[in-house]
Structure formats: structure tokens, C-alpha cells
């Protein structure tokens, strides 16, 4: 059965206008061509959709029944066109982003909320891992966008500056008394330090800080998350290192405080890389442009 979208729109317009000529004008068709389309469709269906009258047409009983189906076809067609345009222009799709918690809490969460408001049809899946694992997932195309600490970078992909943060010492005033001034590396390495585990940027920073003073970091207290780190700090087992935004997000009690660190070794830069091939190109481009204003992906 030959049934094109123009004929569908024409039948609906005739029913609404009560006239083939007015429907033809509305759709920009010649009256003769419109009349032939209707006649051909009626012949295919084997029923009359319209009854010709001196001053227009009237929908037949059969036409009334079939018109509901024709409207459904029109709605589905419009939805198909709309969905195709949404995919084409990147307004729908799925993008997977990998990032460490230290980037998610202060930066990424807020930006994801903004992307969701602007592109409600895009599904953003977040994978929380440390910087090294994020890059492995990116290399293996498990994720589409990866955010990782700069000094942990090893992946052979274009890298873009994303955000910066810094570390502070977290300690319990009940168990430790630290100077009011910024803590030097020499002072820090004399303290028992609780750190995140293998692959974390914090652990790498501590190794570098100790090596700069000819020391080896013993790494006696390793945890997998900042919440666990804070629990050990609370009990006086040691001091921790974490970004101030992360510390505040854990709602520490008054006895748990932070202290600044001297120098620049504790300052950190986050990079963003992305890889094409899994997410729809335009969708990925829209997400990247929101995370990296001014950076344009190749079309």
C-alpha cells in the first residue's frame, strides 16, 4: 500500500478544513494533485473517506473511523522526525564519564546538573574511579570522557585543562596539635599519614613529597575512600590529606579541622580527555563543549 506522509497530512487537513482546495492551499499543493492523492488512497483502502458536496467535503462514517488511525500515523511520523533530529543534533543519547571523587564533588556534579537541564534527553552515566583507572577505562573505550589528575596522566589522547584544586591536612584537635601556619613538607612527613590506595593522585603526591626530602613513604594506613579516611582521622590514628571541598562535604564535627600546606606540591590540575566511537558524535560533542567551553570537537 502506497501511503506517504504528504497524503497523511493532506487527509488530516481536508478533515479539518472541510475542503480539498483549502487543505491544498494549506499544504502548498495543487488542487488537482491533492484530489488525485485522496482518490488513490480511497481506491487502495476500498472505502470512501470523504463525501463530495457542493461547497466542500464531509468525512464519511468509514472516514471517521479510519481518521483516528491516520492521525496516529501522523503522530508517529512527527515523533520519528523529531527523534531523528534529536539524535542528529546531539540532544539525545548516552555519554559515560569517568572521574575521581575529588573531581566529582566540587566540580563535575554541578556541571552535570547544568547539562541535564540543557539537554534533558542526554543520559549521563558517572563512573567513580581513581585517576589511573579512569584512564584505563578511557583507553579501553569503556567510558567516553575521562577526568584525571595531571601528574597521573599516561594515556595517549589529547588532554585539555579541566579544573584545579589543592590538598589540605585533615586532623583531630583532640589527638594532634599542629601549628597555625602552613605545614611544611618536613613537618608533614613526621606525622602518621592516612592516604588513599594504589593509583590515587594523593598517594602519588605523598611519594613525591617524601622523595623530595630523601625519605620513603611507608604507607601504613591506606583506605579506599575519603569517608574511611575521616573515620581513622577521627580516632586519632593519623592525619589525612584531602581537598577542602571534599572535607566540607563530609560534614565534619567541630573537633575535626583542616590546615593549609606550604609550597605548591599539594596543588593539583585535572585534565579531561575523550574518545570517540561509542557515544553518538553530536551528543558527545555537546557534552564536551559544556565541560570545556571554547574547545571544539572535529565535526
C-alpha atoms as a PDB file:
ATOM      1  CA  UNK A   1       0.000   0.000   0.000  1.00  0.00           C
ATOM      2  CA  UNK A   2       1.390   3.371  -1.043  1.00  0.00           C
ATOM      3  CA  UNK A   3       0.963   5.693   1.910  1.00  0.00           C
ATOM      4  CA  UNK A   4       3.290   8.712   2.147  1.00  0.00           C
ATOM      5  CA  UNK A   5       3.494  11.429   4.753  1.00  0.00           C
ATOM      6  CA  UNK A   6       2.158  14.111   2.400  1.00  0.00           C
ATOM      7  CA  UNK A   7      -1.015  12.107   1.819  1.00  0.00           C
ATOM      8  CA  UNK A   8      -1.385  11.562   5.570  1.00  0.00           C
ATOM      9  CA  UNK A   9      -1.077  15.302   6.227  1.00  0.00           C
ATOM     10  CA  UNK A  10      -3.463  16.032   3.364  1.00  0.00           C
ATOM     11  CA  UNK A  11      -6.221  13.757   4.676  1.00  0.00           C
ATOM     12  CA  UNK A  12      -5.989  15.346   8.128  1.00  0.00           C
ATOM     13  CA  UNK A  13      -6.012  18.858   6.637  1.00  0.00           C
ATOM     14  CA  UNK A  14      -9.097  18.080   4.490  1.00  0.00           C
ATOM     15  CA  UNK A  15     -10.940  16.741   7.535  1.00  0.00           C
ATOM     16  CA  UNK A  16     -10.066  19.894   9.496  1.00  0.00           C
ATOM     17  CA  UNK A  17     -10.779  22.367   6.673  1.00  0.00           C
ATOM     18  CA  UNK A  18     -13.814  20.603   5.177  1.00  0.00           C
ATOM     19  CA  UNK A  19     -12.432  21.474   1.765  1.00  0.00           C
ATOM     20  CA  UNK A  20      -9.880  19.953  -0.598  1.00  0.00           C
ATOM     21  CA  UNK A  21      -8.982  23.368  -2.022  1.00  0.00           C
ATOM     22  CA  UNK A  22      -8.356  24.969   1.384  1.00  0.00           C
ATOM     23  CA  UNK A  23      -6.340  21.923   2.501  1.00  0.00           C
ATOM     24  CA  UNK A  24      -4.328  22.146  -0.740  1.00  0.00           C
ATOM     25  CA  UNK A  25      -3.540  25.809  -0.094  1.00  0.00           C
ATOM     26  CA  UNK A  26      -2.520  24.980   3.475  1.00  0.00           C
ATOM     27  CA  UNK A  27      -0.043  22.341   2.301  1.00  0.00           C
ATOM     28  CA  UNK A  28       1.069  24.119  -0.870  1.00  0.00           C
ATOM     29  CA  UNK A  29      -0.357  21.509  -3.241  1.00  0.00           C
ATOM     30  CA  UNK A  30      -2.244  21.877  -6.496  1.00  0.00           C
ATOM     31  CA  UNK A  31      -5.933  21.078  -6.039  1.00  0.00           C
ATOM     32  CA  UNK A  32      -5.907  18.520  -8.847  1.00  0.00           C
ATOM     33  CA  UNK A  33      -2.866  16.749  -7.367  1.00  0.00           C
ATOM     34  CA  UNK A  34      -4.451  16.747  -3.925  1.00  0.00           C
ATOM     35  CA  UNK A  35      -7.724  15.363  -5.260  1.00  0.00           C
ATOM     36  CA  UNK A  36      -5.858  12.570  -7.046  1.00  0.00           C
ATOM     37  CA  UNK A  37      -3.974  11.645  -3.874  1.00  0.00           C
ATOM     38  CA  UNK A  38      -7.241  11.278  -1.997  1.00  0.00           C
ATOM     39  CA  UNK A  39      -8.827   9.234  -4.799  1.00  0.00           C
ATOM     40  CA  UNK A  40      -5.784   6.934  -4.990  1.00  0.00           C
ATOM     41  CA  UNK A  41      -5.827   6.389  -1.227  1.00  0.00           C
ATOM     42  CA  UNK A  42      -9.555   5.657  -1.216  1.00  0.00           C
ATOM     43  CA  UNK A  43      -9.015   3.151  -4.003  1.00  0.00           C
ATOM     44  CA  UNK A  44      -6.251   1.407  -2.024  1.00  0.00           C
ATOM     45  CA  UNK A  45      -8.351   1.294   1.152  1.00  0.00           C
ATOM     46  CA  UNK A  46     -11.520   0.283  -0.672  1.00  0.00           C
ATOM     47  CA  UNK A  47     -13.618   2.860   1.173  1.00  0.00           C
ATOM     48  CA  UNK A  48     -14.622   6.473   0.700  1.00  0.00           C
ATOM     49  CA  UNK A  49     -13.066   8.795   3.245  1.00  0.00           C
ATOM     50  CA  UNK A  50     -14.928  11.907   2.130  1.00  0.00           C
ATOM     51  CA  UNK A  51     -18.304  12.659   0.621  1.00  0.00           C
ATOM     52  CA  UNK A  52     -18.119  15.392  -2.005  1.00  0.00           C
ATOM     53  CA  UNK A  53     -20.578  18.241  -1.506  1.00  0.00           C
ATOM     54  CA  UNK A  54     -21.257  21.441  -3.492  1.00  0.00           C
ATOM     55  CA  UNK A  55     -19.217  23.616  -1.152  1.00  0.00           C
ATOM     56  CA  UNK A  56     -16.618  21.186   0.170  1.00  0.00           C
ATOM     57  CA  UNK A  57     -16.372  17.682   1.568  1.00  0.00           C
ATOM     58  CA  UNK A  58     -17.667  15.822   4.603  1.00  0.00           C
ATOM     59  CA  UNK A  59     -15.928  12.961   6.380  1.00  0.00           C
ATOM     60  CA  UNK A  60     -17.799   9.687   5.870  1.00  0.00           C
ATOM     61  CA  UNK A  61     -18.610   7.242   8.649  1.00  0.00           C
ATOM     62  CA  UNK A  62     -15.779   4.989   7.448  1.00  0.00           C
ATOM     63  CA  UNK A  63     -13.526   8.016   7.172  1.00  0.00           C
ATOM     64  CA  UNK A  64     -14.241   8.953  10.789  1.00  0.00           C
ATOM     65  CA  UNK A  65     -13.138   5.501  11.937  1.00  0.00           C
ATOM     66  CA  UNK A  66     -10.005   5.487   9.794  1.00  0.00           C
ATOM     67  CA  UNK A  67      -9.080   9.082  10.571  1.00  0.00           C
ATOM     68  CA  UNK A  68      -8.028   8.156  14.114  1.00  0.00           C
ATOM     69  CA  UNK A  69      -5.519   5.666  12.674  1.00  0.00           C
ATOM     70  CA  UNK A  70      -4.312   8.232  10.173  1.00  0.00           C
ATOM     71  CA  UNK A  71      -3.728  10.711  12.995  1.00  0.00           C
ATOM     72  CA  UNK A  72      -1.738   8.062  14.859  1.00  0.00           C
ATOM     73  CA  UNK A  73       0.396   7.561  11.761  1.00  0.00           C
ATOM     74  CA  UNK A  74       0.939  11.325  11.567  1.00  0.00           C
ATOM     75  CA  UNK A  75       1.911  11.483  15.250  1.00  0.00           C
ATOM     76  CA  UNK A  76       4.348   8.589  14.860  1.00  0.00           C
ATOM     77  CA  UNK A  77       5.841  10.231  11.782  1.00  0.00           C
ATOM     78  CA  UNK A  78       6.322  13.521  13.617  1.00  0.00           C
ATOM     79  CA  UNK A  79       7.869  11.681  16.547  1.00  0.00           C
ATOM     80  CA  UNK A  80      10.202   9.810  14.195  1.00  0.00           C
ATOM     81  CA  UNK A  81      11.320  13.064  12.604  1.00  0.00           C
ATOM     82  CA  UNK A  82      11.746  14.727  15.995  1.00  0.00           C
ATOM     83  CA  UNK A  83      13.727  11.823  17.440  1.00  0.00           C
ATOM     84  CA  UNK A  84      15.931  11.666  14.356  1.00  0.00           C
ATOM     85  CA  UNK A  85      16.691  15.378  14.653  1.00  0.00           C
ATOM     86  CA  UNK A  86      17.376  14.996  18.382  1.00  0.00           C
ATOM     87  CA  UNK A  87      19.928  12.283  17.652  1.00  0.00           C
ATOM     88  CA  UNK A  88      21.374  14.163  14.696  1.00  0.00           C
ATOM     89  CA  UNK A  89      21.934  17.341  16.702  1.00  0.00           C
ATOM     90  CA  UNK A  90      23.074  15.572  19.859  1.00  0.00           C
ATOM     91  CA  UNK A  91      20.083  16.320  22.047  1.00  0.00           C
ATOM     92  CA  UNK A  92      19.657  12.667  22.988  1.00  0.00           C
ATOM     93  CA  UNK A  93      21.933   9.711  23.655  1.00  0.00           C
ATOM     94  CA  UNK A  94      24.152   8.317  26.407  1.00  0.00           C
ATOM     95  CA  UNK A  95      27.597   9.509  27.480  1.00  0.00           C
ATOM     96  CA  UNK A  96      29.677   7.760  30.147  1.00  0.00           C
ATOM     97  CA  UNK A  97      32.041   9.938  32.198  1.00  0.00           C
ATOM     98  CA  UNK A  98      34.771   8.571  34.451  1.00  0.00           C
ATOM     99  CA  UNK A  99      36.257  10.719  37.214  1.00  0.00           C
ATOM    100  CA  UNK A 100      37.708  10.538  40.738  1.00  0.00           C
ATOM    101  CA  UNK A 101      35.553  11.631  43.658  1.00  0.00           C
ATOM    102  CA  UNK A 102      37.810  14.647  44.169  1.00  0.00           C
ATOM    103  CA  UNK A 103      36.642  15.966  40.776  1.00  0.00           C
ATOM    104  CA  UNK A 104      33.012  14.855  41.037  1.00  0.00           C
ATOM    105  CA  UNK A 105      32.105  16.584  44.307  1.00  0.00           C
ATOM    106  CA  UNK A 106      33.500  20.106  43.800  1.00  0.00           C
ATOM    107  CA  UNK A 107      33.181  20.443  40.000  1.00  0.00           C
ATOM    108  CA  UNK A 108      31.579  17.713  37.954  1.00  0.00           C
ATOM    109  CA  UNK A 109      28.335  17.203  39.884  1.00  0.00           C
ATOM    110  CA  UNK A 110      27.311  20.830  39.395  1.00  0.00           C
ATOM    111  CA  UNK A 111      28.225  20.773  35.706  1.00  0.00           C
ATOM    112  CA  UNK A 112      26.334  17.534  35.104  1.00  0.00           C
ATOM    113  CA  UNK A 113      23.233  19.137  36.605  1.00  0.00           C
ATOM    114  CA  UNK A 114      23.616  22.026  34.153  1.00  0.00           C
ATOM    115  CA  UNK A 115      23.981  19.657  31.199  1.00  0.00           C
ATOM    116  CA  UNK A 116      20.876  17.726  32.253  1.00  0.00           C
ATOM    117  CA  UNK A 117      18.859  20.949  32.377  1.00  0.00           C
ATOM    118  CA  UNK A 118      20.061  21.996  28.929  1.00  0.00           C
ATOM    119  CA  UNK A 119      19.869  18.533  27.337  1.00  0.00           C
ATOM    120  CA  UNK A 120      17.256  16.520  29.274  1.00  0.00           C
ATOM    121  CA  UNK A 121      17.327  13.817  26.604  1.00  0.00           C
ATOM    122  CA  UNK A 122      21.015  13.016  27.200  1.00  0.00           C
ATOM    123  CA  UNK A 123      21.686  10.298  29.759  1.00  0.00           C
ATOM    124  CA  UNK A 124      24.940  10.878  31.661  1.00  0.00           C
ATOM    125  CA  UNK A 125      26.391   7.868  33.453  1.00  0.00           C
ATOM    126  CA  UNK A 126      29.119   8.563  36.014  1.00  0.00           C
ATOM    127  CA  UNK A 127      31.833   6.052  36.868  1.00  0.00           C
ATOM    128  CA  UNK A 128      33.776   6.948  40.026  1.00  0.00           C
ATOM    129  CA  UNK A 129      37.358   5.641  39.973  1.00  0.00           C
ATOM    130  CA  UNK A 130      40.854   6.919  40.727  1.00  0.00           C
ATOM    131  CA  UNK A 131      42.811   8.770  38.057  1.00  0.00           C
ATOM    132  CA  UNK A 132      44.772   5.788  36.743  1.00  0.00           C
ATOM    133  CA  UNK A 133      41.747   3.533  36.419  1.00  0.00           C
ATOM    134  CA  UNK A 134      39.814   6.325  34.693  1.00  0.00           C
ATOM    135  CA  UNK A 135      42.494   6.435  32.012  1.00  0.00           C
ATOM    136  CA  UNK A 136      42.475   2.659  31.587  1.00  0.00           C
ATOM    137  CA  UNK A 137      38.703   2.735  31.123  1.00  0.00           C
ATOM    138  CA  UNK A 138      39.095   5.522  28.581  1.00  0.00           C
ATOM    139  CA  UNK A 139      41.797   3.650  26.693  1.00  0.00           C
ATOM    140  CA  UNK A 140      39.599   0.537  26.584  1.00  0.00           C
ATOM    141  CA  UNK A 141      36.608   2.611  25.411  1.00  0.00           C
ATOM    142  CA  UNK A 142      34.553   1.643  28.443  1.00  0.00           C
ATOM    143  CA  UNK A 143      33.886   5.348  29.048  1.00  0.00           C
ATOM    144  CA  UNK A 144      33.590   8.260  26.624  1.00  0.00           C
ATOM    145  CA  UNK A 145      35.048  11.075  28.746  1.00  0.00           C
ATOM    146  CA  UNK A 146      37.730  10.765  31.406  1.00  0.00           C
ATOM    147  CA  UNK A 147      38.793  13.288  34.043  1.00  0.00           C
ATOM    148  CA  UNK A 148      42.042  12.599  35.891  1.00  0.00           C
ATOM    149  CA  UNK A 149      44.818  14.291  37.843  1.00  0.00           C
ATOM    150  CA  UNK A 150      47.538  15.660  35.558  1.00  0.00           C
ATOM    151  CA  UNK A 151      50.566  14.026  37.170  1.00  0.00           C
ATOM    152  CA  UNK A 152      48.847  10.644  36.894  1.00  0.00           C
ATOM    153  CA  UNK A 153      48.419  11.065  33.170  1.00  0.00           C
ATOM    154  CA  UNK A 154      49.718   8.361  30.874  1.00  0.00           C
ATOM    155  CA  UNK A 155      47.046   7.929  28.212  1.00  0.00           C
ATOM    156  CA  UNK A 156      47.927   8.751  24.602  1.00  0.00           C
ATOM    157  CA  UNK A 157      44.974  11.031  23.877  1.00  0.00           C
ATOM    158  CA  UNK A 158      44.586  14.804  23.545  1.00  0.00           C
ATOM    159  CA  UNK A 159      44.438  16.341  27.024  1.00  0.00           C
ATOM    160  CA  UNK A 160      42.599  19.508  27.976  1.00  0.00           C
ATOM    161  CA  UNK A 161      42.863  21.559  31.166  1.00  0.00           C
ATOM    162  CA  UNK A 162      39.719  20.988  33.223  1.00  0.00           C
ATOM    163  CA  UNK A 163      39.937  22.298  36.811  1.00  0.00           C
ATOM    164  CA  UNK A 164      42.370  22.811  39.703  1.00  0.00           C
ATOM    165  CA  UNK A 165      42.283  22.120  43.423  1.00  0.00           C
ATOM    166  CA  UNK A 166      44.679  21.657  46.338  1.00  0.00           C
ATOM    167  CA  UNK A 167      45.137  19.380  49.324  1.00  0.00           C
ATOM    168  CA  UNK A 168      44.953  20.285  52.997  1.00  0.00           C
ATOM    169  CA  UNK A 169      45.866  18.369  56.139  1.00  0.00           C
ATOM    170  CA  UNK A 170      42.863  16.977  57.997  1.00  0.00           C
ATOM    171  CA  UNK A 171      43.336  16.176  61.676  1.00  0.00           C
ATOM    172  CA  UNK A 172      41.635  15.788  65.032  1.00  0.00           C
ATOM    173  CA  UNK A 173      42.429  18.541  67.527  1.00  0.00           C
ATOM    174  CA  UNK A 174      41.803  16.037  70.285  1.00  0.00           C
ATOM    175  CA  UNK A 175      44.767  13.944  69.131  1.00  0.00           C
ATOM    176  CA  UNK A 176      47.110  16.320  67.275  1.00  0.00           C
ATOM    177  CA  UNK A 177      48.311  19.850  67.851  1.00  0.00           C
ATOM    178  CA  UNK A 178      49.545  21.445  64.636  1.00  0.00           C
ATOM    179  CA  UNK A 179      50.962  24.953  64.136  1.00  0.00           C
ATOM    180  CA  UNK A 180      48.611  27.708  62.965  1.00  0.00           C
ATOM    181  CA  UNK A 181      50.873  28.487  59.992  1.00  0.00           C
ATOM    182  CA  UNK A 182      51.014  26.413  56.803  1.00  0.00           C
ATOM    183  CA  UNK A 183      52.540  22.992  57.389  1.00  0.00           C
ATOM    184  CA  UNK A 184      55.864  22.364  55.660  1.00  0.00           C
ATOM    185  CA  UNK A 185      56.792  19.097  53.967  1.00  0.00           C
ATOM    186  CA  UNK A 186      59.325  18.460  56.751  1.00  0.00           C
ATOM    187  CA  UNK A 187      56.609  18.768  59.380  1.00  0.00           C
ATOM    188  CA  UNK A 188      54.123  16.658  57.437  1.00  0.00           C
ATOM    189  CA  UNK A 189      56.382  13.671  56.830  1.00  0.00           C
ATOM    190  CA  UNK A 190      56.967  13.306  60.561  1.00  0.00           C
ATOM    191  CA  UNK A 191      53.265  12.604  61.093  1.00  0.00           C
ATOM    192  CA  UNK A 192      51.387   9.304  60.626  1.00  0.00           C
ATOM    193  CA  UNK A 193      49.511   9.820  57.365  1.00  0.00           C
ATOM    194  CA  UNK A 194      46.350   8.094  56.187  1.00  0.00           C
ATOM    195  CA  UNK A 195      46.089   8.028  52.405  1.00  0.00           C
ATOM    196  CA  UNK A 196      44.028   6.686  49.564  1.00  0.00           C
ATOM    197  CA  UNK A 197      45.258   3.495  47.949  1.00  0.00           C
ATOM    198  CA  UNK A 198      47.219   2.473  44.901  1.00  0.00           C
ATOM    199  CA  UNK A 199      46.588   4.525  41.784  1.00  0.00           C
ATOM    200  CA  UNK A 200      45.324   7.574  43.654  1.00  0.00           C
ATOM    201  CA  UNK A 201      46.756  11.016  42.939  1.00  0.00           C
ATOM    202  CA  UNK A 202      47.071  11.710  46.678  1.00  0.00           C
ATOM    203  CA  UNK A 203      49.293   8.680  47.193  1.00  0.00           C
ATOM    204  CA  UNK A 204      51.461   9.763  44.260  1.00  0.00           C
ATOM    205  CA  UNK A 205      51.762  13.270  45.743  1.00  0.00           C
ATOM    206  CA  UNK A 206      52.865  11.861  49.095  1.00  0.00           C
ATOM    207  CA  UNK A 207      55.502   9.672  47.469  1.00  0.00           C
ATOM    208  CA  UNK A 208      56.887  12.706  45.626  1.00  0.00           C
ATOM    209  CA  UNK A 209      56.864  14.841  48.781  1.00  0.00           C
ATOM    210  CA  UNK A 210      58.806  12.219  50.731  1.00  0.00           C
ATOM    211  CA  UNK A 211      61.258  11.614  47.881  1.00  0.00           C
ATOM    212  CA  UNK A 212      61.959  15.361  47.684  1.00  0.00           C
ATOM    213  CA  UNK A 213      63.317  15.092  51.227  1.00  0.00           C
ATOM    214  CA  UNK A 214      65.171  11.831  50.688  1.00  0.00           C
ATOM    215  CA  UNK A 215      62.563   9.832  52.564  1.00  0.00           C
ATOM    216  CA  UNK A 216      60.417   6.828  51.684  1.00  0.00           C
ATOM    217  CA  UNK A 217      56.707   6.976  52.396  1.00  0.00           C
ATOM    218  CA  UNK A 218      55.775   3.933  54.495  1.00  0.00           C
ATOM    219  CA  UNK A 219      52.109   3.963  53.537  1.00  0.00           C
ATOM    220  CA  UNK A 220      50.966   2.230  56.738  1.00  0.00           C
ATOM    221  CA  UNK A 221      47.356   3.412  56.624  1.00  0.00           C
ATOM    222  CA  UNK A 222      45.585   3.017  53.285  1.00  0.00           C
ATOM    223  CA  UNK A 223      41.859   3.427  52.685  1.00  0.00           C
ATOM    224  CA  UNK A 224      39.643   3.331  49.613  1.00  0.00           C
ATOM    225  CA  UNK A 225      37.624   6.484  50.234  1.00  0.00           C
ATOM    226  CA  UNK A 226      37.609   9.872  51.931  1.00  0.00           C
ATOM    227  CA  UNK A 227      34.863   8.829  54.332  1.00  0.00           C
ATOM    228  CA  UNK A 228      37.046   5.991  55.616  1.00  0.00           C
ATOM    229  CA  UNK A 229      39.999   8.363  55.849  1.00  0.00           C
ATOM    230  CA  UNK A 230      37.972  10.726  58.005  1.00  0.00           C
ATOM    231  CA  UNK A 231      36.877   7.869  60.276  1.00  0.00           C
ATOM    232  CA  UNK A 232      40.522   6.987  61.011  1.00  0.00           C
ATOM    233  CA  UNK A 233      41.423  10.650  61.478  1.00  0.00           C
ATOM    234  CA  UNK A 234      38.558  10.971  63.953  1.00  0.00           C
ATOM    235  CA  UNK A 235      40.065   8.189  66.083  1.00  0.00           C
ATOM    236  CA  UNK A 236      43.498   9.829  66.069  1.00  0.00           C
ATOM    237  CA  UNK A 237      45.193   7.085  64.038  1.00  0.00           C
ATOM    238  CA  UNK A 238      46.792   9.699  61.837  1.00  0.00           C
ATOM    239  CA  UNK A 239      46.226  12.793  59.734  1.00  0.00           C
ATOM    240  CA  UNK A 240      44.704  12.775  56.274  1.00  0.00           C
ATOM    241  CA  UNK A 241      45.054  14.726  53.061  1.00  0.00           C
ATOM    242  CA  UNK A 242      42.054  15.790  51.031  1.00  0.00           C
ATOM    243  CA  UNK A 243      40.714  18.778  49.078  1.00  0.00           C
ATOM    244  CA  UNK A 244      38.812  21.244  51.299  1.00  0.00           C
ATOM    245  CA  UNK A 245      35.577  20.850  49.302  1.00  0.00           C
ATOM    246  CA  UNK A 246      35.635  17.102  49.923  1.00  0.00           C
ATOM    247  CA  UNK A 247      36.296  17.676  53.623  1.00  0.00           C
ATOM    248  CA  UNK A 248      33.330  20.027  53.984  1.00  0.00           C
ATOM    249  CA  UNK A 249      31.049  17.677  52.041  1.00  0.00           C
ATOM    250  CA  UNK A 250      31.603  15.060  54.761  1.00  0.00           C
ATOM    251  CA  UNK A 251      30.109  17.404  57.400  1.00  0.00           C
ATOM    252  CA  UNK A 252      32.955  17.085  59.937  1.00  0.00           C
ATOM    253  CA  UNK A 253      32.303  17.781  63.593  1.00  0.00           C
ATOM    254  CA  UNK A 254      33.995  20.739  65.284  1.00  0.00           C
ATOM    255  CA  UNK A 255      36.935  18.670  66.557  1.00  0.00           C
ATOM    256  CA  UNK A 256      37.977  17.768  63.006  1.00  0.00           C
ATOM    257  CA  UNK A 257      39.746  20.618  61.247  1.00  0.00           C
ATOM    258  CA  UNK A 258      41.946  21.331  58.245  1.00  0.00           C
ATOM    259  CA  UNK A 259      45.274  23.100  57.951  1.00  0.00           C
ATOM    260  CA  UNK A 260      46.999  24.531  54.853  1.00  0.00           C
ATOM    261  CA  UNK A 261      50.174  23.096  53.374  1.00  0.00           C
ATOM    262  CA  UNK A 262      53.249  25.105  52.474  1.00  0.00           C
ATOM    263  CA  UNK A 263      54.607  25.263  48.924  1.00  0.00           C
ATOM    264  CA  UNK A 264      52.915  24.184  45.714  1.00  0.00           C
ATOM    265  CA  UNK A 265      53.458  20.416  45.760  1.00  0.00           C
ATOM    266  CA  UNK A 266      49.890  19.887  47.010  1.00  0.00           C
ATOM    267  CA  UNK A 267      48.302  21.871  44.159  1.00  0.00           C
ATOM    268  CA  UNK A 268      46.662  19.693  41.547  1.00  0.00           C
ATOM    269  CA  UNK A 269      45.405  20.086  37.999  1.00  0.00           C
ATOM    270  CA  UNK A 270      42.752  17.906  36.418  1.00  0.00           C
ATOM    271  CA  UNK A 271      42.775  17.016  32.753  1.00  0.00           C
ATOM    272  CA  UNK A 272      39.935  15.907  30.507  1.00  0.00           C
ATOM    273  CA  UNK A 273      40.243  13.522  27.581  1.00  0.00           C
ATOM    274  CA  UNK A 274      37.570  11.964  25.431  1.00  0.00           C
ATOM    275  CA  UNK A 275      37.443   9.184  22.884  1.00  0.00           C
ATOM    276  CA  UNK A 276      35.026   8.777  20.003  1.00  0.00           C
ATOM    277  CA  UNK A 277      33.446   5.619  18.719  1.00  0.00           C
ATOM    278  CA  UNK A 278      30.914   4.627  21.346  1.00  0.00           C
ATOM    279  CA  UNK A 279      28.692   7.644  22.062  1.00  0.00           C
ATOM    280  CA  UNK A 280      26.835   9.363  19.245  1.00  0.00           C
ATOM    281  CA  UNK A 281      29.186  12.024  17.848  1.00  0.00           C
ATOM    282  CA  UNK A 282      26.970  15.100  18.213  1.00  0.00           C
ATOM    283  CA  UNK A 283      25.843  14.048  21.684  1.00  0.00           C
ATOM    284  CA  UNK A 284      29.451  13.648  22.829  1.00  0.00           C
ATOM    285  CA  UNK A 285      30.366  16.973  21.273  1.00  0.00           C
ATOM    286  CA  UNK A 286      27.582  18.777  23.146  1.00  0.00           C
ATOM    287  CA  UNK A 287      28.667  17.307  26.487  1.00  0.00           C
ATOM    288  CA  UNK A 288      32.349  18.090  25.886  1.00  0.00           C
ATOM    289  CA  UNK A 289      31.521  21.677  24.901  1.00  0.00           C
ATOM    290  CA  UNK A 290      29.677  22.143  28.207  1.00  0.00           C
ATOM    291  CA  UNK A 291      32.557  20.732  30.253  1.00  0.00           C
ATOM    292  CA  UNK A 292      35.221  22.544  28.220  1.00  0.00           C
ATOM    293  CA  UNK A 293      33.849  25.886  26.998  1.00  0.00           C
ATOM    294  CA  UNK A 294      35.803  27.037  23.984  1.00  0.00           C
ATOM    295  CA  UNK A 295      37.054  23.576  22.991  1.00  0.00           C
ATOM    296  CA  UNK A 296      35.504  22.368  19.749  1.00  0.00           C
ATOM    297  CA  UNK A 297      35.465  18.749  18.642  1.00  0.00           C
ATOM    298  CA  UNK A 298      36.033  17.997  14.984  1.00  0.00           C
ATOM    299  CA  UNK A 299      32.797  17.626  13.051  1.00  0.00           C
END
